[in-house]
């Protein structure tokens, strides 16, 4: 499987619920790659994509690393495991002094109360699976109204979209790292930008 095949599954589910557009799509990181592929397929089917919001996805080149495998080796696996283990340690303390984390725990309705170790391993496996799909995929070329949000504190991987997006693309560089681009502070900029775009289209 690659990202295009995964996008086709979502495409079919979307069309089952909403057979006609216009469509609005958004995706963060790997989800941005999937949203972009869905947008391309919708356009191929003659549908209108009113908005594509991309939150710091890196464009996919379809190239694997020198060994022919996905770029999710032992170091990446260890980093994800350590990050998620630390996160669940905070959860055990009900979020400590972080009101946003405490609110997330309450909103999860028990989902975040799953066994820490099993959940961490499931997250690591999910990262490995997504990485393999990305390594086997290439981002399509499509031209739809796009808002591209880039994490300015990271290496500018997301800035390589170039000709894969059309002329109707607005790029915003945020003062955040990759994970911080979906934090409340970043959404204070992302949310209004999306609202302005939708209001402009009315």
N, C-alpha and C. Protein backbone atom coordinates (compact mmCIF):
# COMPACT_ATOMS: atom_id res chain seq x y z
N UNK A 1 0.84 -1.20 0.00
CA UNK A 1 0.00 0.00 0.00
C UNK A 1 0.88 1.24 0.00
N UNK A 2 0.36 2.32 -0.64
CA UNK A 2 1.04 3.61 -0.55
C UNK A 2 0.01 4.68 -0.19
N UNK A 3 0.43 5.93 -0.15
CA UNK A 3 -0.47 7.00 0.28
C UNK A 3 -1.65 7.16 -0.68
N UNK A 4 -1.42 6.97 -1.98
CA UNK A 4 -2.52 7.09 -2.94
C UNK A 4 -3.61 6.04 -2.68
N UNK A 5 -3.20 4.82 -2.35
CA UNK A 5 -4.18 3.78 -2.07
C UNK A 5 -4.95 4.08 -0.79
N UNK A 6 -4.25 4.60 0.23
CA UNK A 6 -4.94 4.99 1.46
C UNK A 6 -5.90 6.14 1.18
N UNK A 7 -5.45 7.10 0.38
CA UNK A 7 -6.31 8.24 0.03
C UNK A 7 -7.56 7.78 -0.70
N UNK A 8 -7.44 6.74 -1.52
CA UNK A 8 -8.60 6.22 -2.24
C UNK A 8 -9.65 5.68 -1.27
N UNK A 9 -9.20 5.03 -0.20
CA UNK A 9 -10.14 4.52 0.80
C UNK A 9 -10.92 5.68 1.43
N UNK A 10 -10.19 6.74 1.81
CA UNK A 10 -10.86 7.91 2.40
C UNK A 10 -11.75 8.59 1.37
N UNK A 11 -11.27 8.68 0.14
CA UNK A 11 -12.04 9.29 -0.94
C UNK A 11 -13.39 8.61 -1.09
N UNK A 12 -13.40 7.29 -1.09
CA UNK A 12 -14.64 6.55 -1.26
C UNK A 12 -15.58 6.76 -0.07
N UNK A 13 -15.02 6.86 1.12
CA UNK A 13 -15.86 7.10 2.31
C UNK A 13 -16.44 8.51 2.28
N UNK A 14 -15.62 9.48 1.86
CA UNK A 14 -16.09 10.86 1.77
C UNK A 14 -17.23 10.97 0.75
N UNK A 15 -17.03 10.36 -0.42
CA UNK A 15 -18.04 10.44 -1.47
C UNK A 15 -19.33 9.73 -1.06
N UNK A 16 -19.23 8.69 -0.23
CA UNK A 16 -20.43 8.00 0.25
C UNK A 16 -21.27 8.90 1.14
N UNK A 17 -20.61 9.77 1.89
CA UNK A 17 -21.31 10.69 2.80
C UNK A 17 -21.72 11.96 2.07
N UNK A 18 -20.81 12.51 1.27
CA UNK A 18 -21.05 13.76 0.53
C UNK A 18 -20.72 13.52 -0.93
N UNK A 19 -21.71 13.06 -1.74
CA UNK A 19 -21.43 12.69 -3.13
C UNK A 19 -20.93 13.84 -4.00
N UNK A 20 -21.28 15.07 -3.64
CA UNK A 20 -20.87 16.23 -4.44
C UNK A 20 -20.17 17.25 -3.57
N UNK A 21 -19.30 18.05 -4.23
CA UNK A 21 -18.58 19.11 -3.53
C UNK A 21 -19.41 20.37 -3.44
N UNK A 22 -18.81 21.48 -3.11
CA UNK A 22 -17.36 21.62 -2.90
C UNK A 22 -16.89 20.97 -1.60
N UNK A 23 -15.62 20.59 -1.60
CA UNK A 23 -15.04 19.90 -0.46
C UNK A 23 -13.99 20.77 0.23
N UNK A 24 -13.89 20.58 1.53
CA UNK A 24 -12.86 21.24 2.33
C UNK A 24 -12.06 20.15 3.05
N UNK A 25 -10.76 20.18 2.89
CA UNK A 25 -9.89 19.14 3.46
C UNK A 25 -8.79 19.78 4.28
N UNK A 26 -8.40 19.10 5.33
CA UNK A 26 -7.28 19.56 6.15
C UNK A 26 -6.51 18.36 6.67
N UNK A 27 -5.21 18.52 6.84
CA UNK A 27 -4.42 17.41 7.36
C UNK A 27 -3.11 17.90 7.95
N UNK A 28 -2.72 17.26 9.04
CA UNK A 28 -1.46 17.58 9.73
C UNK A 28 -0.44 16.48 9.49
N UNK A 29 0.78 16.87 9.13
CA UNK A 29 1.88 15.94 8.96
C UNK A 29 1.51 14.86 7.93
N UNK A 30 1.57 13.58 8.29
CA UNK A 30 1.20 12.51 7.37
C UNK A 30 -0.24 12.69 6.87
N UNK A 31 -1.11 13.17 7.76
CA UNK A 31 -2.49 13.43 7.36
C UNK A 31 -2.58 14.48 6.26
N UNK A 32 -1.62 15.40 6.22
CA UNK A 32 -1.58 16.38 5.16
C UNK A 32 -1.26 15.75 3.82
N UNK A 33 -0.37 14.76 3.82
CA UNK A 33 -0.07 14.03 2.58
C UNK A 33 -1.31 13.30 2.07
N UNK A 34 -2.06 12.71 2.99
CA UNK A 34 -3.28 12.00 2.60
C UNK A 34 -4.32 12.97 2.08
N UNK A 35 -4.50 14.10 2.78
CA UNK A 35 -5.48 15.11 2.34
C UNK A 35 -5.13 15.65 0.95
N UNK A 36 -3.84 15.87 0.71
CA UNK A 36 -3.39 16.37 -0.59
C UNK A 36 -3.70 15.35 -1.69
N UNK A 37 -3.47 14.07 -1.42
CA UNK A 37 -3.76 13.02 -2.40
C UNK A 37 -5.26 12.90 -2.64
N UNK A 38 -6.07 13.07 -1.61
CA UNK A 38 -7.53 13.04 -1.77
C UNK A 38 -7.97 14.20 -2.64
N UNK A 39 -7.40 15.39 -2.41
CA UNK A 39 -7.74 16.56 -3.21
C UNK A 39 -7.45 16.31 -4.68
N UNK A 40 -6.29 15.72 -4.96
CA UNK A 40 -5.93 15.44 -6.35
C UNK A 40 -6.92 14.48 -7.00
N UNK A 41 -7.35 13.47 -6.26
CA UNK A 41 -8.31 12.51 -6.81
C UNK A 41 -9.67 13.16 -7.04
N UNK A 42 -10.10 14.04 -6.12
CA UNK A 42 -11.36 14.74 -6.30
C UNK A 42 -11.34 15.59 -7.56
N UNK A 43 -10.22 16.28 -7.77
CA UNK A 43 -10.10 17.11 -8.98
C UNK A 43 -10.15 16.23 -10.23
N UNK A 44 -9.49 15.08 -10.19
CA UNK A 44 -9.53 14.15 -11.32
C UNK A 44 -10.96 13.72 -11.64
N UNK A 45 -11.80 13.65 -10.59
CA UNK A 45 -13.19 13.24 -10.77
C UNK A 45 -14.09 14.41 -11.13
N UNK A 46 -13.49 15.59 -11.35
CA UNK A 46 -14.27 16.75 -11.74
C UNK A 46 -14.94 17.49 -10.60
N UNK A 47 -14.52 17.21 -9.38
CA UNK A 47 -15.10 17.86 -8.21
C UNK A 47 -14.34 19.13 -7.84
N UNK A 48 -15.02 19.99 -7.10
CA UNK A 48 -14.40 21.24 -6.64
C UNK A 48 -13.87 21.05 -5.22
N UNK A 49 -12.61 21.40 -5.01
CA UNK A 49 -12.03 21.45 -3.67
C UNK A 49 -11.94 22.93 -3.30
N UNK A 50 -12.77 23.33 -2.38
CA UNK A 50 -12.84 24.73 -1.99
C UNK A 50 -11.64 25.16 -1.16
N UNK A 51 -11.12 24.23 -0.35
CA UNK A 51 -9.98 24.55 0.50
C UNK A 51 -9.22 23.28 0.85
N UNK A 52 -7.90 23.38 0.76
CA UNK A 52 -6.99 22.34 1.24
C UNK A 52 -6.04 23.01 2.23
N UNK A 53 -6.16 22.64 3.50
CA UNK A 53 -5.29 23.20 4.54
C UNK A 53 -4.25 22.15 4.92
N UNK A 54 -2.98 22.47 4.71
CA UNK A 54 -1.88 21.54 4.97
C UNK A 54 -1.06 22.05 6.15
N UNK A 55 -1.00 21.26 7.20
CA UNK A 55 -0.29 21.65 8.42
C UNK A 55 1.03 20.90 8.50
N UNK A 56 2.05 21.48 7.91
CA UNK A 56 3.43 21.03 7.97
C UNK A 56 3.67 19.59 7.50
N UNK A 57 3.07 19.17 6.38
CA UNK A 57 3.48 17.88 5.81
C UNK A 57 4.70 18.10 4.91
N UNK A 58 5.59 17.12 4.87
CA UNK A 58 6.71 17.19 3.93
C UNK A 58 6.27 16.57 2.62
N UNK A 59 6.58 17.17 1.47
CA UNK A 59 6.22 16.55 0.19
C UNK A 59 6.94 15.22 0.02
N UNK A 60 6.27 14.29 -0.62
CA UNK A 60 6.81 12.94 -0.76
C UNK A 60 7.46 12.77 -2.12
N UNK A 61 8.67 12.24 -2.13
CA UNK A 61 9.43 12.10 -3.38
C UNK A 61 9.36 10.71 -3.96
N UNK A 62 8.86 9.74 -3.18
CA UNK A 62 8.81 8.37 -3.67
C UNK A 62 10.13 7.66 -3.59
N UNK A 63 11.11 8.26 -2.93
CA UNK A 63 12.44 7.64 -2.82
C UNK A 63 12.64 7.04 -1.44
N UNK A 64 13.09 5.82 -1.40
CA UNK A 64 13.47 5.20 -0.13
C UNK A 64 14.92 5.56 0.20
N UNK A 65 15.35 5.21 1.39
CA UNK A 65 16.74 5.51 1.74
C UNK A 65 17.68 4.54 1.04
N UNK A 66 18.98 4.66 1.29
CA UNK A 66 19.99 3.89 0.56
C UNK A 66 19.81 2.37 0.71
N UNK A 67 19.23 1.94 1.82
CA UNK A 67 19.04 0.50 2.04
C UNK A 67 17.75 0.00 1.43
N UNK A 68 16.94 0.93 0.88
CA UNK A 68 15.69 0.54 0.26
C UNK A 68 14.54 0.41 1.23
N UNK A 69 14.74 0.86 2.47
CA UNK A 69 13.69 0.77 3.47
C UNK A 69 13.21 2.15 3.88
N UNK A 70 12.10 2.18 4.57
CA UNK A 70 11.54 3.45 5.03
C UNK A 70 12.46 4.08 6.06
N UNK A 71 12.41 5.41 6.14
CA UNK A 71 13.30 6.14 7.05
C UNK A 71 12.75 6.15 8.47
N UNK A 72 12.50 4.97 9.01
CA UNK A 72 12.05 4.84 10.39
C UNK A 72 12.82 3.69 11.00
N UNK A 73 14.07 4.00 11.36
CA UNK A 73 14.95 2.98 11.90
C UNK A 73 14.92 2.97 13.41
N UNK A 74 15.87 2.29 14.03
CA UNK A 74 15.91 2.17 15.49
C UNK A 74 15.96 3.51 16.22
N UNK A 75 16.70 4.48 15.66
CA UNK A 75 16.79 5.78 16.33
C UNK A 75 15.45 6.49 16.35
N UNK A 76 14.75 6.46 15.21
CA UNK A 76 13.44 7.10 15.15
C UNK A 76 12.45 6.39 16.06
N UNK A 77 12.52 5.07 16.06
CA UNK A 77 11.63 4.29 16.92
C UNK A 77 11.86 4.63 18.38
N UNK A 78 13.12 4.72 18.78
CA UNK A 78 13.45 5.03 20.17
C UNK A 78 12.98 6.44 20.54
N UNK A 79 13.11 7.37 19.60
CA UNK A 79 12.70 8.75 19.88
C UNK A 79 11.19 8.84 20.08
N UNK A 80 10.42 8.16 19.22
CA UNK A 80 8.97 8.17 19.37
C UNK A 80 8.57 7.51 20.68
N UNK A 81 9.20 6.39 21.00
CA UNK A 81 8.87 5.68 22.23
C UNK A 81 9.16 6.55 23.45
N UNK A 82 10.31 7.24 23.44
CA UNK A 82 10.65 8.10 24.58
C UNK A 82 9.69 9.26 24.70
N UNK A 83 9.34 9.87 23.56
CA UNK A 83 8.42 11.00 23.57
C UNK A 83 7.06 10.60 24.13
N UNK A 84 6.53 9.47 23.66
CA UNK A 84 5.21 9.04 24.11
C UNK A 84 5.22 8.55 25.55
N UNK A 85 6.31 7.92 25.96
CA UNK A 85 6.43 7.47 27.35
C UNK A 85 6.41 8.67 28.29
N UNK A 86 7.10 9.74 27.90
CA UNK A 86 7.10 10.96 28.72
C UNK A 86 5.71 11.58 28.76
N UNK A 87 5.00 11.54 27.62
CA UNK A 87 3.66 12.09 27.57
C UNK A 87 2.74 11.36 28.55
N UNK A 88 2.80 10.02 28.54
CA UNK A 88 1.93 9.26 29.44
C UNK A 88 2.34 9.42 30.90
N UNK A 89 3.60 9.69 31.14
CA UNK A 89 4.02 9.99 32.51
C UNK A 89 3.33 11.25 33.01
N UNK A 90 3.20 12.24 32.11
CA UNK A 90 2.46 13.46 32.47
C UNK A 90 0.99 13.16 32.71
N UNK A 91 0.42 12.28 31.89
CA UNK A 91 -0.99 11.93 32.05
C UNK A 91 -1.25 11.31 33.41
N UNK A 92 -0.33 10.48 33.88
CA UNK A 92 -0.53 9.83 35.17
C UNK A 92 -0.64 10.84 36.29
N UNK A 93 -0.05 12.01 36.07
CA UNK A 93 -0.13 13.08 37.06
C UNK A 93 -1.28 14.03 36.73
N UNK A 94 -2.22 13.53 35.90
CA UNK A 94 -3.38 14.33 35.48
C UNK A 94 -2.96 15.65 34.84
N UNK A 95 -1.84 15.61 34.14
CA UNK A 95 -1.44 16.79 33.41
C UNK A 95 -0.62 17.79 34.20
N UNK A 96 -0.33 17.48 35.47
CA UNK A 96 0.48 18.41 36.26
C UNK A 96 -0.12 19.80 36.27
N UNK A 97 0.70 20.80 35.92
CA UNK A 97 0.25 22.18 35.93
C UNK A 97 -0.21 22.65 34.55
N UNK A 98 -0.36 21.73 33.61
CA UNK A 98 -0.73 22.09 32.24
C UNK A 98 -2.25 22.00 32.07
N UNK A 99 -2.94 23.13 32.05
CA UNK A 99 -4.41 23.09 31.94
C UNK A 99 -4.89 22.50 30.62
N UNK A 100 -4.13 22.70 29.52
CA UNK A 100 -4.53 22.13 28.24
C UNK A 100 -4.47 20.62 28.28
N UNK A 101 -3.44 20.07 28.92
CA UNK A 101 -3.31 18.62 29.02
C UNK A 101 -4.41 18.05 29.90
N UNK A 102 -4.72 18.73 31.00
CA UNK A 102 -5.81 18.26 31.86
C UNK A 102 -7.13 18.26 31.11
N UNK A 103 -7.35 19.29 30.29
CA UNK A 103 -8.58 19.37 29.49
C UNK A 103 -8.64 18.23 28.48
N UNK A 104 -7.49 17.90 27.89
CA UNK A 104 -7.45 16.80 26.92
C UNK A 104 -7.78 15.47 27.58
N UNK A 105 -7.30 15.28 28.79
CA UNK A 105 -7.60 14.04 29.53
C UNK A 105 -9.10 13.94 29.79
N UNK A 106 -9.71 15.05 30.21
CA UNK A 106 -11.15 15.03 30.47
C UNK A 106 -11.92 14.77 29.18
N UNK A 107 -11.50 15.41 28.09
CA UNK A 107 -12.21 15.29 26.81
C UNK A 107 -12.06 13.90 26.19
N UNK A 108 -11.02 13.16 26.58
CA UNK A 108 -10.78 11.84 25.97
C UNK A 108 -11.78 10.79 26.42
N UNK A 109 -12.53 11.07 27.49
CA UNK A 109 -13.54 10.13 28.00
C UNK A 109 -12.95 8.74 28.24
N UNK A 110 -11.75 8.73 28.78
CA UNK A 110 -11.14 7.46 29.15
C UNK A 110 -10.17 6.90 28.13
N UNK A 111 -10.16 7.42 26.90
CA UNK A 111 -9.26 6.88 25.88
C UNK A 111 -7.81 7.00 26.32
N UNK A 112 -7.48 8.13 26.96
CA UNK A 112 -6.11 8.33 27.40
C UNK A 112 -5.80 7.60 28.70
N UNK A 113 -6.73 6.81 29.16
CA UNK A 113 -6.49 6.02 30.36
C UNK A 113 -6.11 4.58 30.03
N UNK A 114 -5.88 4.29 28.74
CA UNK A 114 -5.47 2.95 28.35
C UNK A 114 -4.11 2.61 28.93
N UNK A 115 -3.78 1.32 28.92
CA UNK A 115 -2.48 0.88 29.42
C UNK A 115 -1.36 1.62 28.70
N UNK A 116 -0.54 2.32 29.47
CA UNK A 116 0.51 3.16 28.89
C UNK A 116 1.39 2.39 27.91
N UNK A 117 1.92 1.27 28.36
CA UNK A 117 2.91 0.55 27.56
C UNK A 117 2.31 0.06 26.24
N UNK A 118 1.11 -0.51 26.29
CA UNK A 118 0.47 -1.00 25.07
C UNK A 118 0.16 0.14 24.12
N UNK A 119 -0.28 1.26 24.68
CA UNK A 119 -0.62 2.40 23.83
C UNK A 119 0.62 2.98 23.17
N UNK A 120 1.71 3.08 23.92
CA UNK A 120 2.97 3.59 23.36
C UNK A 120 3.42 2.70 22.21
N UNK A 121 3.36 1.39 22.39
CA UNK A 121 3.80 0.48 21.33
C UNK A 121 2.89 0.57 20.11
N UNK A 122 1.60 0.80 20.34
CA UNK A 122 0.68 0.98 19.21
C UNK A 122 1.02 2.25 18.44
N UNK A 123 1.39 3.30 19.15
CA UNK A 123 1.77 4.56 18.51
C UNK A 123 3.07 4.39 17.72
N UNK A 124 4.04 3.68 18.29
CA UNK A 124 5.29 3.41 17.58
C UNK A 124 5.02 2.63 16.30
N UNK A 125 4.17 1.62 16.39
CA UNK A 125 3.83 0.81 15.20
C UNK A 125 3.13 1.66 14.15
N UNK A 126 2.29 2.58 14.59
CA UNK A 126 1.59 3.47 13.66
C UNK A 126 2.57 4.37 12.93
N UNK A 127 3.55 4.89 13.65
CA UNK A 127 4.59 5.72 13.03
C UNK A 127 5.36 4.93 11.98
N UNK A 128 5.71 3.70 12.32
CA UNK A 128 6.47 2.86 11.38
C UNK A 128 5.65 2.59 10.12
N UNK A 129 4.36 2.31 10.30
CA UNK A 129 3.47 2.03 9.16
C UNK A 129 3.35 3.25 8.26
N UNK A 130 3.10 4.42 8.86
CA UNK A 130 2.97 5.65 8.08
C UNK A 130 4.26 5.99 7.36
N UNK A 131 5.39 5.77 8.03
CA UNK A 131 6.68 6.05 7.42
C UNK A 131 6.92 5.17 6.19
N UNK A 132 6.51 3.91 6.28
CA UNK A 132 6.67 3.00 5.14
C UNK A 132 5.82 3.45 3.95
N UNK A 133 4.60 3.91 4.24
CA UNK A 133 3.73 4.40 3.17
C UNK A 133 4.33 5.63 2.51
N UNK A 134 4.85 6.55 3.33
CA UNK A 134 5.43 7.77 2.78
C UNK A 134 6.65 7.47 1.93
N UNK A 135 7.46 6.51 2.37
CA UNK A 135 8.67 6.18 1.62
C UNK A 135 8.36 5.58 0.25
N UNK A 136 7.17 5.00 0.12
CA UNK A 136 6.79 4.36 -1.14
C UNK A 136 5.95 5.27 -2.03
N UNK A 137 5.79 6.54 -1.64
CA UNK A 137 4.82 7.41 -2.31
C UNK A 137 5.46 8.68 -2.84
N UNK A 138 4.79 9.26 -3.82
CA UNK A 138 5.18 10.57 -4.34
C UNK A 138 3.96 11.47 -4.34
N UNK A 139 4.13 12.70 -3.87
CA UNK A 139 3.01 13.63 -3.82
C UNK A 139 2.58 14.00 -5.24
N UNK A 140 1.26 13.97 -5.52
CA UNK A 140 0.80 14.33 -6.85
C UNK A 140 0.89 15.83 -7.08
N UNK A 141 0.63 16.24 -8.30
CA UNK A 141 0.56 17.66 -8.64
C UNK A 141 -0.91 18.01 -8.78
N UNK A 142 -1.36 18.99 -8.05
CA UNK A 142 -2.74 19.43 -8.16
C UNK A 142 -2.83 20.90 -7.80
N UNK A 143 -3.80 21.57 -8.36
CA UNK A 143 -3.95 23.02 -8.14
C UNK A 143 -5.34 23.29 -7.57
N UNK A 144 -5.40 23.45 -6.26
CA UNK A 144 -6.64 23.83 -5.58
C UNK A 144 -6.29 24.94 -4.59
N UNK A 145 -7.27 25.72 -4.13
CA UNK A 145 -6.98 26.74 -3.13
C UNK A 145 -6.37 26.09 -1.88
N UNK A 146 -5.15 26.49 -1.54
CA UNK A 146 -4.40 25.81 -0.49
C UNK A 146 -3.84 26.79 0.52
N UNK A 147 -3.96 26.44 1.79
CA UNK A 147 -3.27 27.14 2.87
C UNK A 147 -2.21 26.19 3.40
N UNK A 148 -0.95 26.56 3.24
CA UNK A 148 0.17 25.72 3.68
C UNK A 148 0.82 26.37 4.89
N UNK A 149 0.78 25.67 6.01
CA UNK A 149 1.37 26.16 7.26
C UNK A 149 2.65 25.38 7.54
N UNK A 150 3.74 26.11 7.72
CA UNK A 150 5.06 25.50 7.88
C UNK A 150 5.60 25.80 9.28
N UNK A 151 6.19 24.78 9.90
CA UNK A 151 6.82 24.94 11.21
C UNK A 151 8.19 25.60 11.01
N UNK A 152 8.30 26.85 11.41
CA UNK A 152 9.51 27.62 11.14
C UNK A 152 10.72 27.21 11.95
N UNK A 153 10.51 26.48 13.04
CA UNK A 153 11.65 26.08 13.88
C UNK A 153 12.31 24.78 13.40
N UNK A 154 11.72 24.15 12.39
CA UNK A 154 12.25 22.89 11.89
C UNK A 154 13.03 23.12 10.60
N UNK A 155 13.70 22.06 10.13
CA UNK A 155 14.28 22.12 8.80
C UNK A 155 13.13 22.37 7.82
N UNK A 156 13.32 23.21 6.82
CA UNK A 156 12.19 23.62 5.97
C UNK A 156 11.77 22.56 4.96
N UNK A 157 11.48 21.33 5.45
CA UNK A 157 11.09 20.26 4.54
C UNK A 157 9.77 20.58 3.83
N UNK A 158 8.82 21.17 4.57
CA UNK A 158 7.52 21.45 3.98
C UNK A 158 7.59 22.51 2.90
N UNK A 159 8.67 23.30 2.88
CA UNK A 159 8.78 24.35 1.87
C UNK A 159 9.11 23.79 0.49
N UNK A 160 9.35 22.50 0.37
CA UNK A 160 9.70 21.90 -0.91
C UNK A 160 8.52 21.51 -1.78
N UNK A 161 7.33 22.02 -1.47
CA UNK A 161 6.15 21.64 -2.23
C UNK A 161 6.21 22.16 -3.66
N UNK A 162 6.75 23.35 -3.85
CA UNK A 162 7.00 23.88 -5.19
C UNK A 162 5.84 23.70 -6.15
N UNK A 163 6.10 23.05 -7.28
CA UNK A 163 5.12 22.91 -8.34
C UNK A 163 4.04 21.87 -8.04
N UNK A 164 4.14 21.19 -6.91
CA UNK A 164 3.09 20.22 -6.57
C UNK A 164 1.79 20.92 -6.19
N UNK A 165 1.88 22.21 -5.84
CA UNK A 165 0.71 23.00 -5.50
C UNK A 165 0.53 24.08 -6.56
N UNK A 166 -0.69 24.58 -6.67
CA UNK A 166 -0.98 25.56 -7.70
C UNK A 166 -0.65 26.98 -7.27
N UNK A 167 -1.03 27.93 -8.13
CA UNK A 167 -0.76 29.34 -7.86
C UNK A 167 -1.60 29.89 -6.72
N UNK A 168 -2.75 29.25 -6.47
CA UNK A 168 -3.64 29.72 -5.40
C UNK A 168 -3.25 29.07 -4.08
N UNK A 169 -1.99 29.29 -3.69
CA UNK A 169 -1.46 28.74 -2.44
C UNK A 169 -0.94 29.87 -1.57
N UNK A 170 -1.38 29.90 -0.34
CA UNK A 170 -0.92 30.89 0.64
C UNK A 170 -0.10 30.17 1.70
N UNK A 171 1.17 30.55 1.81
CA UNK A 171 2.08 29.89 2.75
C UNK A 171 2.31 30.76 3.97
N UNK A 172 2.17 30.15 5.15
CA UNK A 172 2.41 30.85 6.41
C UNK A 172 3.45 30.08 7.21
N UNK A 173 4.51 30.76 7.60
CA UNK A 173 5.54 30.14 8.44
C UNK A 173 5.25 30.51 9.88
N UNK A 174 5.07 29.51 10.72
CA UNK A 174 4.72 29.73 12.12
C UNK A 174 5.94 29.54 13.01
N UNK A 175 5.97 30.27 14.09
CA UNK A 175 7.06 30.14 15.06
C UNK A 175 6.78 28.95 15.96
N UNK A 176 6.99 27.76 15.40
CA UNK A 176 6.68 26.52 16.12
C UNK A 176 7.51 25.39 15.53
N UNK A 177 7.67 24.31 16.31
CA UNK A 177 8.26 23.11 15.75
C UNK A 177 7.13 22.25 15.19
N UNK A 178 7.47 21.07 14.70
CA UNK A 178 6.48 20.25 14.00
C UNK A 178 5.30 19.90 14.90
N UNK A 179 5.58 19.47 16.12
CA UNK A 179 4.49 19.10 17.02
C UNK A 179 3.73 20.34 17.51
N UNK A 180 4.45 21.45 17.66
CA UNK A 180 3.83 22.68 18.15
C UNK A 180 2.89 23.33 17.17
N UNK A 181 2.91 22.88 15.92
CA UNK A 181 2.06 23.52 14.91
C UNK A 181 0.59 23.18 15.13
N UNK A 182 0.30 22.18 15.95
CA UNK A 182 -1.09 21.88 16.28
C UNK A 182 -1.39 22.21 17.75
N UNK A 183 -0.52 22.97 18.39
CA UNK A 183 -0.75 23.43 19.75
C UNK A 183 -1.67 24.65 19.73
N UNK A 184 -2.29 24.97 20.86
CA UNK A 184 -3.23 26.10 20.90
C UNK A 184 -2.65 27.41 20.38
N UNK A 185 -1.37 27.70 20.69
CA UNK A 185 -0.78 28.96 20.25
C UNK A 185 -0.74 29.06 18.73
N UNK A 186 -0.42 27.95 18.07
CA UNK A 186 -0.38 27.96 16.60
C UNK A 186 -1.79 28.06 16.02
N UNK A 187 -2.75 27.41 16.67
CA UNK A 187 -4.13 27.47 16.16
C UNK A 187 -4.73 28.86 16.27
N UNK A 188 -4.15 29.69 17.13
CA UNK A 188 -4.60 31.08 17.19
C UNK A 188 -4.33 31.80 15.87
N UNK A 189 -3.37 31.29 15.09
CA UNK A 189 -3.11 31.85 13.76
C UNK A 189 -3.78 31.01 12.67
N UNK A 190 -3.74 29.70 12.83
CA UNK A 190 -4.28 28.82 11.80
C UNK A 190 -5.79 28.98 11.68
N UNK A 191 -6.48 28.96 12.81
CA UNK A 191 -7.94 29.05 12.79
C UNK A 191 -8.46 30.29 12.08
N UNK A 192 -7.98 31.48 12.46
CA UNK A 192 -8.44 32.70 11.76
C UNK A 192 -8.08 32.71 10.28
N UNK A 193 -6.93 32.15 9.91
CA UNK A 193 -6.55 32.11 8.49
C UNK A 193 -7.53 31.26 7.69
N UNK A 194 -7.92 30.13 8.25
CA UNK A 194 -8.90 29.28 7.58
C UNK A 194 -10.24 29.99 7.50
N UNK A 195 -10.65 30.63 8.59
CA UNK A 195 -11.93 31.35 8.61
C UNK A 195 -11.95 32.47 7.57
N UNK A 196 -10.84 33.21 7.47
CA UNK A 196 -10.79 34.30 6.49
C UNK A 196 -10.93 33.75 5.07
N UNK A 197 -10.27 32.64 4.82
CA UNK A 197 -10.35 32.05 3.47
C UNK A 197 -11.78 31.63 3.15
N UNK A 198 -12.46 31.00 4.11
CA UNK A 198 -13.81 30.53 3.86
C UNK A 198 -14.78 31.70 3.72
N UNK A 199 -14.57 32.75 4.52
CA UNK A 199 -15.44 33.93 4.42
C UNK A 199 -15.24 34.60 3.06
N UNK A 200 -14.01 34.62 2.57
CA UNK A 200 -13.70 35.24 1.28
C UNK A 200 -14.41 34.52 0.14
N UNK A 201 -14.60 33.21 0.31
CA UNK A 201 -15.23 32.44 -0.75
C UNK A 201 -16.74 32.53 -0.79
N UNK A 202 -17.36 33.19 0.20
CA UNK A 202 -18.82 33.27 0.24
C UNK A 202 -19.34 34.36 -0.69
